[in-house]
């Protein structure tokens, strides 16, 4: 598997911990290394493009696994963390 996986969030987001847990489960299900990059949109060193995503957003090869769109500022994703199945599907698709 060669997918680049990233989690975009902000500290205090009530769904960020669930997104991390679902990422762990998804990667374990795929027998893939349990690793990804994280971007806290409240940290000054986070690149500007990541600041446009709601929290939490899981990106696989730069694409939001939930099919969301970039927003104009800080906010929570209405549906919360993407499902394990959604994450697994996006990683599998990226590997094709």
PDB file of N, CA and C in Angstrom:
ATOM      1  N   UNK A   1       0.836  -1.180   0.000  1.00  0.00           N
ATOM      2  CA  UNK A   1       0.000   0.000   0.000  1.00  0.00           C
ATOM      3  C   UNK A   1       0.878   1.239   0.000  1.00  0.00           C
ATOM      4  N   UNK A   2       0.594   2.156  -0.890  1.00  0.00           N
ATOM      5  CA  UNK A   2       1.425   3.351  -0.972  1.00  0.00           C
ATOM      6  C   UNK A   2       0.592   4.625  -0.831  1.00  0.00           C
ATOM      7  N   UNK A   3      -0.541   4.552  -0.186  1.00  0.00           N
ATOM      8  CA  UNK A   3      -1.399   5.724  -0.034  1.00  0.00           C
ATOM      9  C   UNK A   3      -0.847   6.659   1.038  1.00  0.00           C
ATOM     10  N   UNK A   4      -0.968   7.941   0.775  1.00  0.00           N
ATOM     11  CA  UNK A   4      -0.607   8.962   1.753  1.00  0.00           C
ATOM     12  C   UNK A   4      -1.876   9.291   2.539  1.00  0.00           C
ATOM     13  N   UNK A   5      -1.836   9.055   3.849  1.00  0.00           N
ATOM     14  CA  UNK A   5      -3.008   9.241   4.694  1.00  0.00           C
ATOM     15  C   UNK A   5      -2.748  10.390   5.655  1.00  0.00           C
ATOM     16  N   UNK A   6      -3.744  11.281   5.758  1.00  0.00           N
ATOM     17  CA  UNK A   6      -3.611  12.450   6.628  1.00  0.00           C
ATOM     18  C   UNK A   6      -4.920  12.679   7.377  1.00  0.00           C
ATOM     19  N   UNK A   7      -4.785  13.173   8.591  1.00  0.00           N
ATOM     20  CA  UNK A   7      -5.930  13.553   9.404  1.00  0.00           C
ATOM     21  C   UNK A   7      -5.850  15.046   9.650  1.00  0.00           C
ATOM     22  N   UNK A   8      -6.910  15.751   9.276  1.00  0.00           N
ATOM     23  CA  UNK A   8      -6.998  17.193   9.506  1.00  0.00           C
ATOM     24  C   UNK A   8      -8.026  17.395  10.615  1.00  0.00           C
ATOM     25  N   UNK A   9      -7.663  18.173  11.625  1.00  0.00           N
ATOM     26  CA  UNK A   9      -8.525  18.365  12.782  1.00  0.00           C
ATOM     27  C   UNK A   9      -8.127  19.653  13.494  1.00  0.00           C
ATOM     28  N   UNK A  10      -8.861  19.997  14.529  1.00  0.00           N
ATOM     29  CA  UNK A  10      -8.387  21.011  15.454  1.00  0.00           C
ATOM     30  C   UNK A  10      -8.573  20.482  16.871  1.00  0.00           C
ATOM     31  N   UNK A  11      -7.669  20.863  17.749  1.00  0.00           N
ATOM     32  CA  UNK A  11      -7.714  20.424  19.136  1.00  0.00           C
ATOM     33  C   UNK A  11      -9.040  20.858  19.741  1.00  0.00           C
ATOM     34  N   UNK A  12      -9.699  19.937  20.394  1.00  0.00           N
ATOM     35  CA  UNK A  12     -10.987  20.233  20.989  1.00  0.00           C
ATOM     36  C   UNK A  12     -12.163  19.775  20.144  1.00  0.00           C
ATOM     37  N   UNK A  13     -11.903  19.338  18.924  1.00  0.00           N
ATOM     38  CA  UNK A  13     -12.969  18.802  18.085  1.00  0.00           C
ATOM     39  C   UNK A  13     -13.472  17.517  18.734  1.00  0.00           C
ATOM     40  N   UNK A  14     -14.778  17.406  18.960  1.00  0.00           N
ATOM     41  CA  UNK A  14     -15.286  16.219  19.640  1.00  0.00           C
ATOM     42  C   UNK A  14     -15.183  14.924  18.820  1.00  0.00           C
ATOM     43  N   UNK A  15     -14.886  15.016  17.527  1.00  0.00           N
ATOM     44  CA  UNK A  15     -14.832  13.832  16.674  1.00  0.00           C
ATOM     45  C   UNK A  15     -13.411  13.411  16.288  1.00  0.00           C
ATOM     46  N   UNK A  16     -12.409  14.180  16.680  1.00  0.00           N
ATOM     47  CA  UNK A  16     -11.032  13.880  16.275  1.00  0.00           C
ATOM     48  C   UNK A  16     -10.549  12.540  16.836  1.00  0.00           C
ATOM     49  N   UNK A  17     -10.833  12.255  18.092  1.00  0.00           N
ATOM     50  CA  UNK A  17     -10.393  10.990  18.694  1.00  0.00           C
ATOM     51  C   UNK A  17     -11.053   9.803  17.995  1.00  0.00           C
ATOM     52  N   UNK A  18     -12.316   9.943  17.638  1.00  0.00           N
ATOM     53  CA  UNK A  18     -13.018   8.866  16.925  1.00  0.00           C
ATOM     54  C   UNK A  18     -12.394   8.648  15.545  1.00  0.00           C
ATOM     55  N   UNK A  19     -12.008   9.727  14.877  1.00  0.00           N
ATOM     56  CA  UNK A  19     -11.357   9.596  13.571  1.00  0.00           C
ATOM     57  C   UNK A  19     -10.047   8.830  13.697  1.00  0.00           C
ATOM     58  N   UNK A  20      -9.266   9.133  14.727  1.00  0.00           N
ATOM     59  CA  UNK A  20      -8.007   8.407  14.954  1.00  0.00           C
ATOM     60  C   UNK A  20      -8.280   6.923  15.199  1.00  0.00           C
ATOM     61  N   UNK A  21      -9.272   6.637  16.028  1.00  0.00           N
ATOM     62  CA  UNK A  21      -9.607   5.242  16.334  1.00  0.00           C
ATOM     63  C   UNK A  21     -10.045   4.508  15.066  1.00  0.00           C
ATOM     64  N   UNK A  22     -10.845   5.151  14.242  1.00  0.00           N
ATOM     65  CA  UNK A  22     -11.316   4.519  13.009  1.00  0.00           C
ATOM     66  C   UNK A  22     -10.177   4.330  12.004  1.00  0.00           C
ATOM     67  N   UNK A  23      -9.240   5.270  11.975  1.00  0.00           N
ATOM     68  CA  UNK A  23      -8.059   5.098  11.122  1.00  0.00           C
ATOM     69  C   UNK A  23      -7.269   3.869  11.552  1.00  0.00           C
ATOM     70  N   UNK A  24      -7.073   3.710  12.870  1.00  0.00           N
ATOM     71  CA  UNK A  24      -6.333   2.541  13.379  1.00  0.00           C
ATOM     72  C   UNK A  24      -7.018   1.243  12.958  1.00  0.00           C
ATOM     73  N   UNK A  25      -8.332   1.192  13.126  1.00  0.00           N
ATOM     74  CA  UNK A  25      -9.078  -0.020  12.774  1.00  0.00           C
ATOM     75  C   UNK A  25      -8.993  -0.286  11.273  1.00  0.00           C
ATOM     76  N   UNK A  26      -9.168   0.754  10.473  1.00  0.00           N
ATOM     77  CA  UNK A  26      -9.127   0.594   9.013  1.00  0.00           C
ATOM     78  C   UNK A  26      -7.768   0.080   8.557  1.00  0.00           C
ATOM     79  N   UNK A  27      -6.710   0.656   9.082  1.00  0.00           N
ATOM     80  CA  UNK A  27      -5.369   0.241   8.679  1.00  0.00           C
ATOM     81  C   UNK A  27      -5.061  -1.172   9.163  1.00  0.00           C
ATOM     82  N   UNK A  28      -5.531  -1.511  10.360  1.00  0.00           N
ATOM     83  CA  UNK A  28      -5.340  -2.878  10.859  1.00  0.00           C
ATOM     84  C   UNK A  28      -6.095  -3.868   9.980  1.00  0.00           C
ATOM     85  N   UNK A  29      -7.302  -3.484   9.568  1.00  0.00           N
ATOM     86  CA  UNK A  29      -8.100  -4.352   8.694  1.00  0.00           C
ATOM     87  C   UNK A  29      -7.392  -4.615   7.368  1.00  0.00           C
ATOM     88  N   UNK A  30      -6.638  -3.629   6.905  1.00  0.00           N
ATOM     89  CA  UNK A  30      -5.896  -3.765   5.654  1.00  0.00           C
ATOM     90  C   UNK A  30      -4.498  -4.350   5.853  1.00  0.00           C
ATOM     91  N   UNK A  31      -4.169  -4.666   7.092  1.00  0.00           N
ATOM     92  CA  UNK A  31      -2.832  -5.159   7.441  1.00  0.00           C
ATOM     93  C   UNK A  31      -1.759  -4.173   6.973  1.00  0.00           C
ATOM     94  N   UNK A  32      -2.062  -2.897   7.117  1.00  0.00           N
ATOM     95  CA  UNK A  32      -1.150  -1.822   6.703  1.00  0.00           C
ATOM     96  C   UNK A  32      -0.510  -1.206   7.949  1.00  0.00           C
ATOM     97  N   UNK A  33       0.629  -0.538   7.788  1.00  0.00           N
ATOM     98  CA  UNK A  33       1.236   0.156   8.920  1.00  0.00           C
ATOM     99  C   UNK A  33       0.246   1.159   9.520  1.00  0.00           C
ATOM    100  N   UNK A  34       0.218   1.212  10.845  1.00  0.00           N
ATOM    101  CA  UNK A  34      -0.701   2.117  11.541  1.00  0.00           C
ATOM    102  C   UNK A  34       0.000   3.468  11.666  1.00  0.00           C
ATOM    103  N   UNK A  35      -0.021   4.224  10.568  1.00  0.00           N
ATOM    104  CA  UNK A  35       0.642   5.542  10.576  1.00  0.00           C
ATOM    105  C   UNK A  35      -0.021   6.471   9.577  1.00  0.00           C
ATOM    106  N   UNK A  36      -0.023   7.743   9.942  1.00  0.00           N
ATOM    107  CA  UNK A  36      -0.572   8.800   9.098  1.00  0.00           C
ATOM    108  C   UNK A  36      -0.032  10.121   9.605  1.00  0.00           C
ATOM    109  N   UNK A  37      -0.131  11.141   8.790  1.00  0.00           N
ATOM    110  CA  UNK A  37       0.268  12.492   9.196  1.00  0.00           C
ATOM    111  C   UNK A  37      -0.950  13.199   9.782  1.00  0.00           C
ATOM    112  N   UNK A  38      -0.726  14.092  10.714  1.00  0.00           N
ATOM    113  CA  UNK A  38      -1.811  14.869  11.291  1.00  0.00           C
ATOM    114  C   UNK A  38      -1.544  16.358  11.122  1.00  0.00           C
ATOM    115  N   UNK A  39      -2.616  17.086  10.854  1.00  0.00           N
ATOM    116  CA  UNK A  39      -2.547  18.528  10.675  1.00  0.00           C
ATOM    117  C   UNK A  39      -3.584  19.194  11.576  1.00  0.00           C
ATOM    118  N   UNK A  40      -3.122  19.909  12.587  1.00  0.00           N
ATOM    119  CA  UNK A  40      -3.993  20.672  13.480  1.00  0.00           C
ATOM    120  C   UNK A  40      -4.175  22.051  12.858  1.00  0.00           C
ATOM    121  N   UNK A  41      -5.386  22.365  12.469  1.00  0.00           N
ATOM    122  CA  UNK A  41      -5.634  23.623  11.765  1.00  0.00           C
ATOM    123  C   UNK A  41      -5.438  24.854  12.639  1.00  0.00           C
ATOM    124  N   UNK A  42      -5.283  24.667  13.941  1.00  0.00           N
ATOM    125  CA  UNK A  42      -5.023  25.801  14.833  1.00  0.00           C
ATOM    126  C   UNK A  42      -3.537  26.096  15.014  1.00  0.00           C
ATOM    127  N   UNK A  43      -2.681  25.236  14.472  1.00  0.00           N
ATOM    128  CA  UNK A  43      -1.235  25.415  14.615  1.00  0.00           C
ATOM    129  C   UNK A  43      -0.711  26.249  13.449  1.00  0.00           C
ATOM    130  N   UNK A  44       0.068  27.259  13.770  1.00  0.00           N
ATOM    131  CA  UNK A  44       0.546  28.209  12.760  1.00  0.00           C
ATOM    132  C   UNK A  44       1.364  27.555  11.650  1.00  0.00           C
ATOM    133  N   UNK A  45       2.049  26.448  11.936  1.00  0.00           N
ATOM    134  CA  UNK A  45       2.898  25.803  10.931  1.00  0.00           C
ATOM    135  C   UNK A  45       2.125  24.871   9.990  1.00  0.00           C
ATOM    136  N   UNK A  46       0.841  24.683  10.246  1.00  0.00           N
ATOM    137  CA  UNK A  46       0.027  23.859   9.346  1.00  0.00           C
ATOM    138  C   UNK A  46      -0.137  24.590   8.023  1.00  0.00           C
ATOM    139  N   UNK A  47       0.197  23.950   6.903  1.00  0.00           N
ATOM    140  CA  UNK A  47       0.070  24.615   5.604  1.00  0.00           C
ATOM    141  C   UNK A  47      -1.366  25.092   5.328  1.00  0.00           C
ATOM    142  N   UNK A  48      -1.481  26.208   4.687  1.00  0.00           N
ATOM    143  CA  UNK A  48      -2.773  26.840   4.409  1.00  0.00           C
ATOM    144  C   UNK A  48      -3.804  25.923   3.754  1.00  0.00           C
ATOM    145  N   UNK A  49      -3.438  25.100   2.769  1.00  0.00           N
ATOM    146  CA  UNK A  49      -4.461  24.248   2.141  1.00  0.00           C
ATOM    147  C   UNK A  49      -5.220  23.360   3.128  1.00  0.00           C
ATOM    148  N   UNK A  50      -4.561  22.917   4.195  1.00  0.00           N
ATOM    149  CA  UNK A  50      -5.216  22.059   5.178  1.00  0.00           C
ATOM    150  C   UNK A  50      -6.207  22.829   6.040  1.00  0.00           C
ATOM    151  N   UNK A  51      -6.023  24.114   6.173  1.00  0.00           N
ATOM    152  CA  UNK A  51      -6.897  24.938   7.023  1.00  0.00           C
ATOM    153  C   UNK A  51      -8.307  25.071   6.450  1.00  0.00           C
ATOM    154  N   UNK A  52      -8.495  24.647   5.219  1.00  0.00           N
ATOM    155  CA  UNK A  52      -9.796  24.770   4.564  1.00  0.00           C
ATOM    156  C   UNK A  52     -10.725  23.588   4.834  1.00  0.00           C
ATOM    157  N   UNK A  53     -10.202  22.562   5.507  1.00  0.00           N
ATOM    158  CA  UNK A  53     -11.005  21.376   5.776  1.00  0.00           C
ATOM    159  C   UNK A  53     -11.639  21.453   7.160  1.00  0.00           C
ATOM    160  N   UNK A  54     -12.821  20.855   7.280  1.00  0.00           N
ATOM    161  CA  UNK A  54     -13.468  20.741   8.573  1.00  0.00           C
ATOM    162  C   UNK A  54     -12.783  19.668   9.402  1.00  0.00           C
ATOM    163  N   UNK A  55     -13.131  19.612  10.663  1.00  0.00           N
ATOM    164  CA  UNK A  55     -12.523  18.653  11.582  1.00  0.00           C
ATOM    165  C   UNK A  55     -13.571  17.639  12.033  1.00  0.00           C
ATOM    166  N   UNK A  56     -13.252  16.357  11.924  1.00  0.00           N
ATOM    167  CA  UNK A  56     -12.062  15.767  11.341  1.00  0.00           C
ATOM    168  C   UNK A  56     -12.273  15.440   9.857  1.00  0.00           C
ATOM    169  N   UNK A  57     -11.215  15.557   9.111  1.00  0.00           N
ATOM    170  CA  UNK A  57     -11.216  15.136   7.712  1.00  0.00           C
ATOM    171  C   UNK A  57     -10.086  14.141   7.537  1.00  0.00           C
ATOM    172  N   UNK A  58     -10.378  13.024   6.895  1.00  0.00           N
ATOM    173  CA  UNK A  58      -9.353  12.034   6.560  1.00  0.00           C
ATOM    174  C   UNK A  58      -9.092  12.174   5.069  1.00  0.00           C
ATOM    175  N   UNK A  59      -7.834  12.406   4.723  1.00  0.00           N
ATOM    176  CA  UNK A  59      -7.424  12.522   3.331  1.00  0.00           C
ATOM    177  C   UNK A  59      -6.604  11.301   2.939  1.00  0.00           C
ATOM    178  N   UNK A  60      -6.899  10.761   1.775  1.00  0.00           N
ATOM    179  CA  UNK A  60      -6.086   9.680   1.194  1.00  0.00           C
ATOM    180  C   UNK A  60      -5.604  10.203  -0.149  1.00  0.00           C
ATOM    181  N   UNK A  61      -4.296  10.340  -0.264  1.00  0.00           N
ATOM    182  CA  UNK A  61      -3.678  10.928  -1.457  1.00  0.00           C
ATOM    183  C   UNK A  61      -4.294  12.295  -1.777  1.00  0.00           C
ATOM    184  N   UNK A  62      -4.554  13.065  -0.729  1.00  0.00           N
ATOM    185  CA  UNK A  62      -5.047  14.431  -0.891  1.00  0.00           C
ATOM    186  C   UNK A  62      -6.533  14.564  -1.114  1.00  0.00           C
ATOM    187  N   UNK A  63      -7.258  13.441  -1.113  1.00  0.00           N
ATOM    188  CA  UNK A  63      -8.694  13.473  -1.372  1.00  0.00           C
ATOM    189  C   UNK A  63      -9.469  13.127  -0.101  1.00  0.00           C
ATOM    190  N   UNK A  64     -10.481  13.936   0.209  1.00  0.00           N
ATOM    191  CA  UNK A  64     -11.332  13.699   1.367  1.00  0.00           C
ATOM    192  C   UNK A  64     -12.090  12.389   1.161  1.00  0.00           C
ATOM    193  N   UNK A  65     -11.902  11.418   2.067  1.00  0.00           N
ATOM    194  CA  UNK A  65     -12.530  10.107   1.902  1.00  0.00           C
ATOM    195  C   UNK A  65     -14.048  10.173   1.968  1.00  0.00           C
ATOM    196  N   UNK A  66     -14.582  11.198   2.635  1.00  0.00           N
ATOM    197  CA  UNK A  66     -16.029  11.335   2.779  1.00  0.00           C
ATOM    198  C   UNK A  66     -16.641  12.148   1.649  1.00  0.00           C
ATOM    199  N   UNK A  67     -15.798  12.602   0.725  1.00  0.00           N
ATOM    200  CA  UNK A  67     -16.309  13.357  -0.414  1.00  0.00           C
ATOM    201  C   UNK A  67     -16.690  14.783  -0.084  1.00  0.00           C
ATOM    202  N   UNK A  68     -16.220  15.270   1.054  1.00  0.00           N
ATOM    203  CA  UNK A  68     -16.514  16.646   1.442  1.00  0.00           C
ATOM    204  C   UNK A  68     -15.787  17.642   0.564  1.00  0.00           C
ATOM    205  N   UNK A  69     -16.137  18.872   0.731  1.00  0.00           N
ATOM    206  CA  UNK A  69     -15.486  19.949  -0.008  1.00  0.00           C
ATOM    207  C   UNK A  69     -14.758  20.847   0.965  1.00  0.00           C
ATOM    208  N   UNK A  70     -13.745  21.510   0.468  1.00  0.00           N
ATOM    209  CA  UNK A  70     -13.021  22.450   1.308  1.00  0.00           C
ATOM    210  C   UNK A  70     -13.959  23.576   1.706  1.00  0.00           C
ATOM    211  N   UNK A  71     -13.799  24.046   2.908  1.00  0.00           N
ATOM    212  CA  UNK A  71     -14.607  25.150   3.410  1.00  0.00           C
ATOM    213  C   UNK A  71     -13.746  26.403   3.467  1.00  0.00           C
ATOM    214  N   UNK A  72     -14.287  27.439   4.008  1.00  0.00           N
ATOM    215  CA  UNK A  72     -13.538  28.689   4.070  1.00  0.00           C
ATOM    216  C   UNK A  72     -12.942  28.948   5.435  1.00  0.00           C
ATOM    217  N   UNK A  73     -13.154  28.056   6.386  1.00  0.00           N
ATOM    218  CA  UNK A  73     -12.589  28.305   7.701  1.00  0.00           C
ATOM    219  C   UNK A  73     -12.807  27.157   8.654  1.00  0.00           C
ATOM    220  N   UNK A  74     -12.455  27.392   9.902  1.00  0.00           N
ATOM    221  CA  UNK A  74     -12.511  26.387  10.957  1.00  0.00           C
ATOM    222  C   UNK A  74     -13.953  25.948  11.212  1.00  0.00           C
ATOM    223  N   UNK A  75     -14.143  24.650  11.362  1.00  0.00           N
ATOM    224  CA  UNK A  75     -15.460  24.142  11.683  1.00  0.00           C
ATOM    225  C   UNK A  75     -15.437  22.642  11.841  1.00  0.00           C
ATOM    226  N   UNK A  76     -16.502  22.129  12.426  1.00  0.00           N
ATOM    227  CA  UNK A  76     -16.645  20.687  12.611  1.00  0.00           C
ATOM    228  C   UNK A  76     -17.384  20.085  11.427  1.00  0.00           C
ATOM    229  N   UNK A  77     -16.999  18.882  11.061  1.00  0.00           N
ATOM    230  CA  UNK A  77     -17.701  18.134  10.027  1.00  0.00           C
ATOM    231  C   UNK A  77     -19.029  17.686  10.644  1.00  0.00           C
ATOM    232  N   UNK A  78     -20.108  17.988   9.990  1.00  0.00           N
ATOM    233  CA  UNK A  78     -21.441  17.714  10.525  1.00  0.00           C
ATOM    234  C   UNK A  78     -21.631  16.239  10.855  1.00  0.00           C
ATOM    235  N   UNK A  79     -21.199  15.348   9.984  1.00  0.00           N
ATOM    236  CA  UNK A  79     -21.404  13.919  10.212  1.00  0.00           C
ATOM    237  C   UNK A  79     -20.390  13.269  11.127  1.00  0.00           C
ATOM    238  N   UNK A  80     -19.420  14.014  11.617  1.00  0.00           N
ATOM    239  CA  UNK A  80     -18.376  13.445  12.464  1.00  0.00           C
ATOM    240  C   UNK A  80     -17.317  12.729  11.650  1.00  0.00           C
ATOM    241  N   UNK A  81     -16.673  11.764  12.272  1.00  0.00           N
ATOM    242  CA  UNK A  81     -15.574  11.035  11.632  1.00  0.00           C
ATOM    243  C   UNK A  81     -16.107  10.095  10.554  1.00  0.00           C
ATOM    244  N   UNK A  82     -15.350   9.932   9.455  1.00  0.00           N
ATOM    245  CA  UNK A  82     -15.775   8.973   8.427  1.00  0.00           C
ATOM    246  C   UNK A  82     -15.751   7.552   8.991  1.00  0.00           C
ATOM    247  N   UNK A  83     -16.580   6.694   8.428  1.00  0.00           N
ATOM    248  CA  UNK A  83     -16.662   5.308   8.896  1.00  0.00           C
ATOM    249  C   UNK A  83     -15.408   4.530   8.519  1.00  0.00           C
ATOM    250  N   UNK A  84     -15.207   3.435   9.217  1.00  0.00           N
ATOM    251  CA  UNK A  84     -14.093   2.538   8.900  1.00  0.00           C
ATOM    252  C   UNK A  84     -14.222   2.047   7.458  1.00  0.00           C
ATOM    253  N   UNK A  85     -15.425   1.670   7.060  1.00  0.00           N
ATOM    254  CA  UNK A  85     -15.642   1.171   5.697  1.00  0.00           C
ATOM    255  C   UNK A  85     -15.291   2.224   4.654  1.00  0.00           C
ATOM    256  N   UNK A  86     -15.622   3.476   4.920  1.00  0.00           N
ATOM    257  CA  UNK A  86     -15.296   4.557   3.991  1.00  0.00           C
ATOM    258  C   UNK A  86     -13.791   4.736   3.874  1.00  0.00           C
ATOM    259  N   UNK A  87     -13.101   4.686   5.001  1.00  0.00           N
ATOM    260  CA  UNK A  87     -11.645   4.830   4.998  1.00  0.00           C
ATOM    261  C   UNK A  87     -10.998   3.660   4.263  1.00  0.00           C
ATOM    262  N   UNK A  88     -11.437   2.441   4.575  1.00  0.00           N
ATOM    263  CA  UNK A  88     -10.897   1.251   3.915  1.00  0.00           C
ATOM    264  C   UNK A  88     -11.117   1.345   2.403  1.00  0.00           C
ATOM    265  N   UNK A  89     -12.312   1.711   2.003  1.00  0.00           N
ATOM    266  CA  UNK A  89     -12.611   1.823   0.575  1.00  0.00           C
ATOM    267  C   UNK A  89     -11.725   2.836  -0.132  1.00  0.00           C
ATOM    268  N   UNK A  90     -11.500   3.976   0.511  1.00  0.00           N
ATOM    269  CA  UNK A  90     -10.654   5.016  -0.097  1.00  0.00           C
ATOM    270  C   UNK A  90      -9.204   4.543  -0.220  1.00  0.00           C
ATOM    271  N   UNK A  91      -8.711   3.839   0.778  1.00  0.00           N
ATOM    272  CA  UNK A  91      -7.332   3.344   0.723  1.00  0.00           C
ATOM    273  C   UNK A  91      -7.196   2.275  -0.361  1.00  0.00           C
ATOM    274  N   UNK A  92      -8.175   1.399  -0.434  1.00  0.00           N
ATOM    275  CA  UNK A  92      -8.134   0.362  -1.483  1.00  0.00           C
ATOM    276  C   UNK A  92      -8.178   0.999  -2.863  1.00  0.00           C
ATOM    277  N   UNK A  93      -9.038   1.979  -3.052  1.00  0.00           N
ATOM    278  CA  UNK A  93      -9.157   2.669  -4.332  1.00  0.00           C
ATOM    279  C   UNK A  93      -7.838   3.359  -4.697  1.00  0.00           C
ATOM    280  N   UNK A  94      -7.193   3.950  -3.721  1.00  0.00           N
ATOM    281  CA  UNK A  94      -5.920   4.640  -3.968  1.00  0.00           C
ATOM    282  C   UNK A  94      -4.824   3.667  -4.369  1.00  0.00           C
ATOM    283  N   UNK A  95      -4.945   2.414  -3.934  1.00  0.00           N
ATOM    284  CA  UNK A  95      -3.933   1.418  -4.239  1.00  0.00           C
ATOM    285  C   UNK A  95      -4.080   0.786  -5.613  1.00  0.00           C
ATOM    286  N   UNK A  96      -5.152   1.112  -6.307  1.00  0.00           N
ATOM    287  CA  UNK A  96      -5.387   0.507  -7.638  1.00  0.00           C
ATOM    288  C   UNK A  96      -4.619   1.215  -8.709  1.00  0.00           C
TER     289      UNK A  96
END
